[in-house]
Amino acid sequence: MTDTSLMLLSGAVLIVGLLTIGLIALLNAQRQRERDSAEIAALARLQADTAVRIDAMREMIAGRQAELQRAVNERLDSVTHHLGQSMTANRQHTVESISKLNERLAVIDGAQKNITDLASQVTSLQSVLSNKQQRGAFGQARMEIIIQDGLPKGCFEFQFSLSNRSRPDCAIFLPDQRPLIIDAKFPLEAVTALRQAKTDEERRHAAARMRSDIGKHVSDIASKYLIPGETQDLALMFVPSESVYAELHESFDDLLQKAFRSRVVIVSPSLLMLAVHVIQSIQRDARMREAADQIHAEVGHLMDDLKRLQERVLKLQQHFGQANEDIRQILISAEKVEKRGTRIREVEFDDTVEPAANVIPAPITHKLTVGE
């Protein structure tokens, strides 16, 4: 072949290829248009469905919004109502609290006044305790209150005179009529000095003074108030302060031992009350024993009366027996008299009977006996 033919053939082949490519591109474009049309149709359907769903959702949202608004309004009304009630209750509670607070403030004012009065009383008490005579009167008064509250009248006597002309603060009479002596003049100066001591030297001096004062007071009580055969074998020394008594037990046991050996018992207010209760029990037991003795004596008298009554009843029974026998005999005699009267009444007398000269009387066969 020539070059021209080859060129023509190549050109024809090129044209055919271009036509084929164009045809293919046209087919592809046609298919693309069809696909686009289908997609547009589907998109339109989807848009329509979306519009329907949006309308339904809008209606549903509108209904839900109305229900929500109604619920919110109801809840708001309920909250408003409860809030009003709560505010009313809180107002009443506040008013009551304020009134109670005013009452408590009044009580606090009264307590403050009492505290002020108590402070003045404490000041006066300090002035009393600073004076020896007034302090003794204070201890005496406290002891008298405990004794008067715990024992009946007649079982004790204040400022009782003993045979040695001593006058103790109190004497309690026990069942054996020997008084139990109580002394209320406790020396508190040494205790005060011991509490006010600041150095070891001052404390030693105060302790020595306390041992000396209390020891001397114990000796005085033992010598003046313990009289053999007249008083009890021990005496009580009254300490008008529980703290002082505790301090004695804690730091001055030797004083307590010395007092015990001297037959003097140191007592605090609580121990004195306990001793009073013990004395009450002793006196109660003594009264019960006296009552038991009286009952025993009365029972003896009652038995004697019962024996005499039995003897008299036996005598009365004998009299009754004799009287019954006499009555029985009387009844027997009355029965016999009745029988005789019956026999006499049965005797007949005939008025038409012939004269006695012509009639021979029948002999009486019945014979009266002496015993009838």
Protein backbone atom coordinates (compact mmCIF):
# COMPACT_ATOMS: atom_id res chain seq x y z
CA MET A 1 0.00 0.00 0.00
CA THR A 2 1.00 3.51 -0.54
CA ASP A 3 1.50 6.06 2.06
CA THR A 4 -1.64 7.87 0.94
CA SER A 5 -3.75 4.84 1.44
CA LEU A 6 -2.25 4.30 4.81
CA MET A 7 -2.96 7.84 5.76
CA LEU A 8 -6.54 7.57 4.56
CA LEU A 9 -6.99 4.31 6.41
CA SER A 10 -5.53 5.79 9.52
CA GLY A 11 -7.79 8.81 9.17
CA ALA A 12 -10.81 6.57 8.69
CA VAL A 13 -9.82 4.52 11.70
CA LEU A 14 -9.33 7.75 13.69
CA ILE A 15 -12.73 9.06 12.61
CA VAL A 16 -14.37 5.76 13.51
CA GLY A 17 -12.67 5.86 16.88
CA LEU A 18 -13.78 9.44 17.45
CA LEU A 19 -17.35 8.57 16.45
CA THR A 20 -17.26 5.61 18.80
CA ILE A 21 -15.94 7.77 21.63
CA GLY A 22 -18.60 10.39 20.94
CA LEU A 23 -21.30 7.75 20.83
CA ILE A 24 -20.09 6.32 24.11
CA ALA A 25 -19.97 9.78 25.67
CA LEU A 26 -23.48 10.46 24.38
CA LEU A 27 -24.73 7.19 25.89
CA ASN A 28 -23.04 8.01 29.12
CA ALA A 29 -24.58 11.47 29.17
CA GLN A 30 -28.01 9.95 28.45
CA ARG A 31 -27.60 7.52 31.31
CA GLN A 32 -26.38 10.30 33.54
CA ARG A 33 -29.48 12.37 32.72
CA GLU A 34 -31.70 9.39 33.45
CA ARG A 35 -29.94 8.84 36.74
CA ASP A 36 -30.25 12.55 37.57
CA SER A 37 -33.96 12.48 36.72
CA ALA A 38 -34.46 9.45 39.00
CA GLU A 39 -32.49 11.11 41.75
CA ILE A 40 -34.50 14.31 41.38
CA ALA A 41 -37.74 12.31 41.54
CA ALA A 42 -36.55 10.47 44.61
CA LEU A 43 -35.44 13.77 46.14
CA ALA A 44 -38.87 15.24 45.42
CA ARG A 45 -40.57 12.27 47.06
CA LEU A 46 -38.22 12.56 50.01
CA GLN A 47 -38.95 16.28 50.25
CA ALA A 48 -42.68 15.59 50.20
CA ASP A 49 -42.33 12.94 52.92
CA THR A 50 -40.13 15.28 54.93
CA ALA A 51 -42.73 18.04 54.62
CA VAL A 52 -45.46 15.66 55.84
CA ARG A 53 -43.28 14.54 58.73
CA ILE A 54 -42.39 18.12 59.58
CA ASP A 55 -46.10 19.04 59.65
CA ALA A 56 -46.86 16.05 61.91
CA MET A 57 -43.91 16.94 64.13
CA ARG A 58 -45.03 20.56 64.24
CA GLU A 59 -48.52 19.49 65.33
CA MET A 60 -47.05 17.09 67.89
CA ILE A 61 -44.70 19.76 69.21
CA ALA A 62 -47.59 22.22 69.42
CA GLY A 63 -49.63 19.66 71.43
CA ARG A 64 -46.69 18.84 73.66
CA GLN A 65 -46.03 22.54 74.17
CA ALA A 66 -49.66 23.08 75.21
CA GLU A 67 -49.48 20.13 77.63
CA LEU A 68 -46.17 21.40 78.95
CA GLN A 69 -47.59 24.86 79.43
CA ARG A 70 -50.65 23.43 81.21
CA ALA A 71 -48.45 21.23 83.44
CA VAL A 72 -46.14 24.15 84.15
CA ASN A 73 -49.12 26.32 85.05
CA GLU A 74 -50.54 23.61 87.33
CA ARG A 75 -47.19 23.04 88.98
CA LEU A 76 -46.70 26.78 89.35
CA ASP A 77 -50.13 27.09 90.98
CA SER A 78 -49.33 24.18 93.31
CA VAL A 79 -45.93 25.63 94.16
CA THR A 80 -47.53 29.01 94.76
CA HIS A 81 -50.16 27.43 97.03
CA HIS A 82 -47.58 25.43 99.01
CA LEU A 83 -45.34 28.47 99.17
CA GLY A 84 -48.20 30.50 100.59
CA GLN A 85 -48.98 27.82 103.18
CA SER A 86 -45.29 27.47 104.03
CA MET A 87 -44.95 31.22 104.42
CA THR A 88 -48.03 31.26 106.67
CA ALA A 89 -46.69 28.38 108.76
CA ASN A 90 -43.26 29.97 108.89
CA ARG A 91 -44.81 33.24 109.96
CA GLN A 92 -46.75 31.50 112.74
CA HIS A 93 -43.66 29.53 113.75
CA THR A 94 -41.65 32.73 113.73
CA VAL A 95 -44.25 34.46 115.90
CA GLU A 96 -44.26 31.52 118.32
CA SER A 97 -40.47 31.40 118.35
CA ILE A 98 -40.34 35.13 119.06
CA SER A 99 -42.84 34.74 121.91
CA LYS A 100 -40.86 31.80 123.33
CA LEU A 101 -37.69 33.79 122.90
CA ASN A 102 -39.27 36.63 124.84
CA GLU A 103 -40.25 34.16 127.58
CA ARG A 104 -36.72 32.77 127.67
CA LEU A 105 -35.31 36.27 127.75
CA ALA A 106 -37.57 36.94 130.70
CA VAL A 107 -36.32 33.75 132.36
CA ILE A 108 -32.75 34.78 131.58
CA ASP A 109 -33.43 38.19 133.11
CA GLY A 110 -34.80 36.45 136.22
CA ALA A 111 -31.79 34.13 136.29
CA GLN A 112 -29.47 37.08 135.92
CA LYS A 113 -31.23 38.75 138.80
CA ASN A 114 -30.89 35.55 140.84
CA ILE A 115 -27.21 35.38 139.92
CA THR A 116 -26.79 38.96 141.07
CA ASP A 117 -28.56 38.15 144.32
CA LEU A 118 -26.47 34.99 144.67
CA ALA A 119 -23.30 36.99 144.09
CA SER A 120 -24.33 39.33 146.86
CA GLN A 121 -25.12 36.32 149.05
CA VAL A 122 -21.73 34.79 148.24
CA THR A 123 -20.11 38.07 149.19
CA SER A 124 -22.02 38.07 152.45
CA LEU A 125 -21.09 34.39 152.92
CA GLN A 126 -17.44 35.27 152.47
CA SER A 127 -17.82 37.97 155.07
CA VAL A 128 -19.48 35.44 157.36
CA LEU A 129 -16.70 32.89 156.84
CA SER A 130 -14.05 35.52 157.46
CA ASN A 131 -15.45 36.08 160.97
CA LYS A 132 -14.81 33.25 163.43
CA GLN A 133 -17.97 33.73 165.46
CA GLN A 134 -20.16 34.15 162.40
CA ARG A 135 -18.53 31.09 160.80
CA GLY A 136 -19.29 29.06 163.93
CA ALA A 137 -22.89 30.26 163.79
CA PHE A 138 -23.00 29.24 160.11
CA GLY A 139 -21.78 25.70 160.89
CA GLN A 140 -24.18 25.51 163.84
CA ALA A 141 -27.10 26.62 161.65
CA ARG A 142 -26.27 24.09 158.93
CA MET A 143 -25.96 21.30 161.47
CA GLU A 144 -29.26 22.30 163.10
CA ILE A 145 -31.03 22.23 159.72
CA ILE A 146 -29.80 18.68 159.04
CA ILE A 147 -30.79 17.48 162.53
CA GLN A 148 -34.21 19.16 162.49
CA ASP A 149 -35.02 17.78 159.05
CA GLY A 150 -34.03 14.22 159.94
CA LEU A 151 -35.13 13.65 163.54
CA PRO A 152 -38.43 14.18 165.36
CA LYS A 153 -38.74 16.62 168.21
CA GLY A 154 -37.79 15.24 171.58
CA CYS A 155 -34.97 13.10 170.15
CA PHE A 156 -32.40 15.90 170.24
CA GLU A 157 -31.56 19.12 172.04
CA PHE A 158 -29.31 22.00 171.09
CA GLN A 159 -26.96 23.53 173.67
CA PHE A 160 -27.58 20.61 176.01
CA SER A 161 -25.98 20.90 179.47
CA LEU A 162 -23.84 18.02 180.70
CA SER A 163 -22.89 17.19 184.27
CA ASN A 164 -19.48 18.87 183.85
CA ARG A 165 -21.27 22.11 182.83
CA SER A 166 -20.20 21.73 179.20
CA ARG A 167 -22.73 22.80 176.59
CA PRO A 168 -22.24 20.93 173.30
CA ASP A 169 -23.82 22.23 170.11
CA CYS A 170 -26.21 19.28 169.84
CA ALA A 171 -27.10 16.14 171.79
CA ILE A 172 -29.04 13.32 170.16
CA PHE A 173 -30.75 10.98 172.62
CA LEU A 174 -30.46 7.30 171.71
CA PRO A 175 -32.70 4.53 173.14
CA ASP A 176 -30.43 4.04 176.17
CA GLN A 177 -30.95 7.76 176.94
CA ARG A 178 -27.23 8.48 176.66
CA PRO A 179 -26.78 11.46 174.32
CA LEU A 180 -24.64 11.40 171.19
CA ILE A 181 -22.70 14.68 171.19
CA ILE A 182 -22.15 16.73 168.01
CA ASP A 183 -19.70 19.65 167.86
CA ALA A 184 -20.03 22.15 164.98
CA LYS A 185 -17.16 24.55 165.79
CA PHE A 186 -14.61 23.28 163.24
CA PRO A 187 -11.43 25.43 163.01
CA LEU A 188 -11.33 26.65 159.39
CA GLU A 189 -8.55 29.26 159.76
CA ALA A 190 -5.81 26.69 159.12
CA VAL A 191 -7.70 25.35 156.09
CA THR A 192 -8.01 28.86 154.68
CA ALA A 193 -4.31 29.49 155.29
CA LEU A 194 -3.45 26.20 153.57
CA ARG A 195 -5.52 27.09 150.51
CA GLN A 196 -4.02 30.57 150.30
CA ALA A 197 -0.42 29.30 150.62
CA LYS A 198 1.66 29.89 147.49
CA THR A 199 5.06 28.51 148.41
CA ASP A 200 6.15 25.18 149.84
CA GLU A 201 7.24 26.86 153.06
CA GLU A 202 3.82 28.50 153.52
CA ARG A 203 2.10 25.19 152.81
CA ARG A 204 4.22 23.40 155.40
CA HIS A 205 3.46 26.03 158.03
CA ALA A 206 -0.25 25.94 157.16
CA ALA A 207 -0.31 22.12 157.32
CA ALA A 208 1.44 22.16 160.70
CA ARG A 209 -1.04 24.75 161.98
CA MET A 210 -3.94 22.68 160.65
CA ARG A 211 -2.68 19.55 162.44
CA SER A 212 -2.20 21.54 165.63
CA ASP A 213 -5.60 23.28 165.55
CA ILE A 214 -7.63 20.22 164.59
CA GLY A 215 -5.71 18.00 167.02
CA LYS A 216 -6.38 20.44 169.87
CA HIS A 217 -10.05 20.66 168.92
CA VAL A 218 -10.34 16.87 168.86
CA SER A 219 -8.72 16.68 172.30
CA ASP A 220 -11.12 19.32 173.64
CA ILE A 221 -14.13 17.37 172.33
CA ALA A 222 -12.86 14.11 173.85
CA SER A 223 -12.18 15.71 177.22
CA LYS A 224 -15.37 17.75 177.54
CA TYR A 225 -18.04 15.72 175.75
CA LEU A 226 -17.09 12.08 176.39
CA ILE A 227 -18.27 11.31 179.93
CA PRO A 228 -18.34 7.59 180.87
CA GLY A 229 -21.82 6.40 181.77
CA GLU A 230 -23.41 9.72 180.80
CA THR A 231 -22.71 10.14 177.07
CA GLN A 232 -22.10 7.76 174.22
CA ASP A 233 -18.64 6.30 173.71
CA LEU A 234 -17.95 8.51 170.70
CA ALA A 235 -18.70 12.06 169.55
CA LEU A 236 -19.14 13.69 166.13
CA MET A 237 -17.15 16.70 164.90
CA PHE A 238 -19.13 18.41 162.13
CA VAL A 239 -17.27 19.91 159.15
CA PRO A 240 -19.66 22.27 157.28
CA SER A 241 -17.84 21.83 153.92
CA GLU A 242 -17.58 18.74 151.73
CA SER A 243 -14.41 20.06 150.06
CA VAL A 244 -12.69 20.57 153.42
CA TYR A 245 -13.68 17.07 154.47
CA ALA A 246 -12.33 15.64 151.20
CA GLU A 247 -9.09 17.54 151.68
CA LEU A 248 -8.75 16.12 155.20
CA HIS A 249 -9.20 12.58 153.87
CA GLU A 250 -6.78 13.19 151.02
CA SER A 251 -3.92 14.95 152.79
CA PHE A 252 -4.39 14.57 156.57
CA ASP A 253 -5.15 10.93 157.21
CA ASP A 254 -3.09 11.11 160.43
CA LEU A 255 -5.61 13.61 161.84
CA LEU A 256 -8.47 11.24 161.08
CA GLN A 257 -6.60 8.39 162.75
CA LYS A 258 -5.90 10.54 165.81
CA ALA A 259 -9.56 11.56 166.00
CA PHE A 260 -10.61 7.91 165.68
CA ARG A 261 -8.28 6.91 168.49
CA SER A 262 -9.76 9.72 170.58
CA ARG A 263 -13.26 8.35 169.78
CA VAL A 264 -14.16 11.46 167.78
CA VAL A 265 -15.62 10.92 164.29
CA ILE A 266 -15.20 13.76 161.77
CA VAL A 267 -18.29 14.01 159.55
CA SER A 268 -19.26 16.14 156.57
CA PRO A 269 -22.86 17.29 155.86
CA SER A 270 -23.56 14.18 153.77
CA LEU A 271 -22.11 11.86 156.43
CA LEU A 272 -24.08 13.66 159.13
CA MET A 273 -27.26 13.05 157.12
CA LEU A 274 -26.26 9.39 156.81
CA ALA A 275 -25.66 9.23 160.58
CA VAL A 276 -29.09 10.80 161.13
CA HIS A 277 -30.67 8.07 158.98
CA VAL A 278 -28.85 5.41 161.00
CA ILE A 279 -30.09 7.01 164.23
CA GLN A 280 -33.61 7.01 162.79
CA SER A 281 -33.31 3.27 162.16
CA ILE A 282 -31.99 2.68 165.69
CA GLN A 283 -34.83 4.67 167.24
CA ARG A 284 -37.36 2.92 165.02
CA ASP A 285 -36.00 -0.47 166.09
CA ALA A 286 -36.12 0.62 169.74
CA ARG A 287 -39.74 1.73 169.35
CA MET A 288 -40.53 -1.57 167.65
CA ARG A 289 -38.90 -3.47 170.52
CA GLU A 290 -40.87 -1.44 173.05
CA ALA A 291 -44.03 -2.06 171.08
CA ALA A 292 -43.18 -5.77 170.88
CA ASP A 293 -42.66 -5.88 174.65
CA GLN A 294 -45.96 -4.11 175.20
CA ILE A 295 -47.65 -6.50 172.79
CA HIS A 296 -46.09 -9.45 174.64
CA ALA A 297 -47.31 -8.10 177.96
CA GLU A 298 -50.78 -7.43 176.58
CA VAL A 299 -50.87 -10.94 175.09
CA GLY A 300 -50.00 -12.31 178.56
CA HIS A 301 -52.84 -10.28 180.08
CA LEU A 302 -55.11 -11.46 177.31
CA MET A 303 -54.24 -15.09 178.05
CA ASP A 304 -54.96 -14.52 181.73
CA ASP A 305 -58.31 -12.95 180.85
CA LEU A 306 -59.01 -15.85 178.51
CA LYS A 307 -58.24 -18.36 181.29
CA ARG A 308 -60.56 -16.56 183.71
CA LEU A 309 -63.22 -16.44 181.01
CA GLN A 310 -62.88 -20.18 180.48
CA GLU A 311 -63.26 -20.83 184.21
CA ARG A 312 -66.32 -18.63 184.37
CA VAL A 313 -67.82 -20.32 181.32
CA LEU A 314 -67.29 -23.72 182.97
CA LYS A 315 -69.01 -22.46 186.12
CA LEU A 316 -71.82 -21.06 184.00
CA GLN A 317 -72.07 -24.41 182.25
CA GLN A 318 -72.42 -26.13 185.64
CA HIS A 319 -75.13 -23.65 186.63
CA PHE A 320 -76.87 -24.29 183.35
CA GLY A 321 -76.62 -28.04 183.95
CA GLN A 322 -78.15 -27.69 187.44
CA ALA A 323 -80.84 -25.38 186.07
CA ASN A 324 -81.62 -27.91 183.31
CA GLU A 325 -81.92 -30.68 185.94
CA ASP A 326 -84.24 -28.50 188.07
CA ILE A 327 -86.34 -27.69 185.01
CA ARG A 328 -86.54 -31.40 184.15
CA GLN A 329 -87.73 -32.21 187.68
CA ILE A 330 -90.26 -29.38 187.50
CA LEU A 331 -91.56 -30.72 184.16
CA ILE A 332 -91.89 -34.21 185.67
CA SER A 333 -93.88 -32.81 188.62
CA ALA A 334 -96.09 -30.77 186.27
CA GLU A 335 -96.80 -33.88 184.19
CA LYS A 336 -97.79 -35.81 187.33
CA VAL A 337 -100.03 -32.97 188.48
CA GLU A 338 -101.67 -32.97 185.08
CA LYS A 339 -102.30 -36.71 185.29
CA ARG A 340 -103.86 -36.37 188.75
CA GLY A 341 -106.09 -33.57 187.52
CA THR A 342 -107.22 -35.78 184.65
CA ARG A 343 -108.09 -38.60 187.03
CA ILE A 344 -110.01 -36.22 189.30
CA ARG A 345 -111.94 -34.83 186.36
CA GLU A 346 -112.93 -38.34 185.25
CA VAL A 347 -114.70 -38.96 188.60
CA GLU A 348 -118.58 -38.65 187.98
CA PHE A 349 -121.22 -37.69 190.53
CA ASP A 350 -124.89 -38.80 189.75
CA ASP A 351 -127.64 -36.52 191.17
CA THR A 352 -130.28 -39.37 191.02
CA VAL A 353 -128.29 -41.65 193.19
CA GLU A 354 -130.12 -43.01 196.21
CA PRO A 355 -129.31 -41.64 199.59
CA ALA A 356 -126.07 -42.65 201.08
CA ALA A 357 -127.82 -44.91 203.52
CA ASN A 358 -129.06 -47.17 200.79
CA VAL A 359 -125.84 -47.00 198.68
CA ILE A 360 -122.69 -48.71 199.63
CA PRO A 361 -119.83 -46.85 198.00
CA ALA A 362 -117.36 -48.82 196.04
CA PRO A 363 -113.96 -49.00 197.60
CA ILE A 364 -111.21 -46.84 196.11
CA THR A 365 -108.60 -49.14 194.76
CA HIS A 366 -106.20 -46.41 193.63
CA LYS A 367 -103.60 -45.63 196.18
CA LEU A 368 -101.71 -42.41 196.14
CA THR A 369 -98.05 -42.77 196.58
CA VAL A 370 -95.92 -40.25 198.28
CA GLY A 371 -93.63 -39.90 195.30
CA GLU A 372 -96.42 -38.98 192.88
